[in-house]
């Protein structure tokens, strides 16, 4: 990881989105699904630049 600030910023963004979802969503299944989606988005956001350098992600 070349830029740790970017990593922590992404984690913070994902945590914030998760908190917002937990506040607004009462259903446990929807909460679980949205948490998974948020986590996947965070992983994609972190790895996007590295994938571009390797020529895999656009």
C-alpha atoms as a PDB file:
ATOM      1  CA  UNK A   1       0.000   0.000   0.000  1.00  0.00           C
ATOM      2  CA  UNK A   2       1.692   3.150  -1.235  1.00  0.00           C
ATOM      3  CA  UNK A   3      -0.735   5.648   0.297  1.00  0.00           C
ATOM      4  CA  UNK A   4      -2.029   4.625   3.744  1.00  0.00           C
ATOM      5  CA  UNK A   5      -4.187   7.765   4.006  1.00  0.00           C
ATOM      6  CA  UNK A   6      -6.250   6.650   1.023  1.00  0.00           C
ATOM      7  CA  UNK A   7      -6.692   3.219   2.598  1.00  0.00           C
ATOM      8  CA  UNK A   8      -7.927   4.623   5.913  1.00  0.00           C
ATOM      9  CA  UNK A   9     -10.144   7.131   4.127  1.00  0.00           C
ATOM     10  CA  UNK A  10     -11.811   4.308   2.206  1.00  0.00           C
ATOM     11  CA  UNK A  11     -12.280   2.258   5.381  1.00  0.00           C
ATOM     12  CA  UNK A  12     -13.792   5.298   7.100  1.00  0.00           C
ATOM     13  CA  UNK A  13     -16.133   5.881   4.168  1.00  0.00           C
ATOM     14  CA  UNK A  14     -17.279   2.257   4.281  1.00  0.00           C
ATOM     15  CA  UNK A  15     -17.824   2.471   8.043  1.00  0.00           C
ATOM     16  CA  UNK A  16     -19.841   5.662   7.623  1.00  0.00           C
ATOM     17  CA  UNK A  17     -22.018   4.078   4.935  1.00  0.00           C
ATOM     18  CA  UNK A  18     -22.544   1.024   7.148  1.00  0.00           C
ATOM     19  CA  UNK A  19     -23.602   3.202  10.087  1.00  0.00           C
ATOM     20  CA  UNK A  20     -26.050   5.123   7.886  1.00  0.00           C
ATOM     21  CA  UNK A  21     -27.500   1.834   6.612  1.00  0.00           C
ATOM     22  CA  UNK A  22     -27.833   0.437  10.143  1.00  0.00           C
ATOM     23  CA  UNK A  23     -29.653   3.592  11.261  1.00  0.00           C
ATOM     24  CA  UNK A  24     -32.125   3.637   8.378  1.00  0.00           C
ATOM     25  CA  UNK A  25     -32.639  -0.078   7.720  1.00  0.00           C
ATOM     26  CA  UNK A  26     -34.539  -2.098  10.323  1.00  0.00           C
ATOM     27  CA  UNK A  27     -34.585  -5.415   8.452  1.00  0.00           C
ATOM     28  CA  UNK A  28     -31.659  -7.705   9.368  1.00  0.00           C
ATOM     29  CA  UNK A  29     -31.438  -9.349   5.933  1.00  0.00           C
ATOM     30  CA  UNK A  30     -31.318  -6.011   4.112  1.00  0.00           C
ATOM     31  CA  UNK A  31     -28.742  -4.797   6.623  1.00  0.00           C
ATOM     32  CA  UNK A  32     -26.529  -7.839   5.963  1.00  0.00           C
ATOM     33  CA  UNK A  33     -26.809  -7.485   2.185  1.00  0.00           C
ATOM     34  CA  UNK A  34     -25.988  -3.774   2.287  1.00  0.00           C
ATOM     35  CA  UNK A  35     -22.985  -4.429   4.548  1.00  0.00           C
ATOM     36  CA  UNK A  36     -21.657  -6.994   2.054  1.00  0.00           C
ATOM     37  CA  UNK A  37     -22.178  -4.590  -0.853  1.00  0.00           C
ATOM     38  CA  UNK A  38     -20.444  -1.788   1.052  1.00  0.00           C
ATOM     39  CA  UNK A  39     -17.481  -4.034   1.860  1.00  0.00           C
ATOM     40  CA  UNK A  40     -17.162  -5.182  -1.761  1.00  0.00           C
ATOM     41  CA  UNK A  41     -17.299  -1.578  -2.948  1.00  0.00           C
ATOM     42  CA  UNK A  42     -14.576  -0.613  -0.474  1.00  0.00           C
ATOM     43  CA  UNK A  43     -12.309  -3.448  -1.618  1.00  0.00           C
ATOM     44  CA  UNK A  44     -12.880  -2.469  -5.259  1.00  0.00           C
ATOM     45  CA  UNK A  45     -12.200   1.189  -4.484  1.00  0.00           C
ATOM     46  CA  UNK A  46      -8.933   0.357  -2.708  1.00  0.00           C
ATOM     47  CA  UNK A  47      -7.676  -2.047  -5.397  1.00  0.00           C
ATOM     48  CA  UNK A  48      -8.864  -0.058  -8.424  1.00  0.00           C
ATOM     49  CA  UNK A  49      -5.595   1.856  -8.856  1.00  0.00           C
ATOM     50  CA  UNK A  50      -3.441  -1.251  -8.425  1.00  0.00           C
ATOM     51  CA  UNK A  51      -5.532  -3.130 -10.990  1.00  0.00           C
ATOM     52  CA  UNK A  52      -5.150  -0.278 -13.457  1.00  0.00           C
ATOM     53  CA  UNK A  53      -1.378  -0.446 -13.065  1.00  0.00           C
ATOM     54  CA  UNK A  54      -1.499  -4.183 -13.765  1.00  0.00           C
ATOM     55  CA  UNK A  55      -3.829  -3.644 -16.733  1.00  0.00           C
ATOM     56  CA  UNK A  56      -6.733  -5.663 -15.277  1.00  0.00           C
ATOM     57  CA  UNK A  57      -9.316  -3.075 -14.216  1.00  0.00           C
ATOM     58  CA  UNK A  58     -10.756  -0.246 -16.229  1.00  0.00           C
END
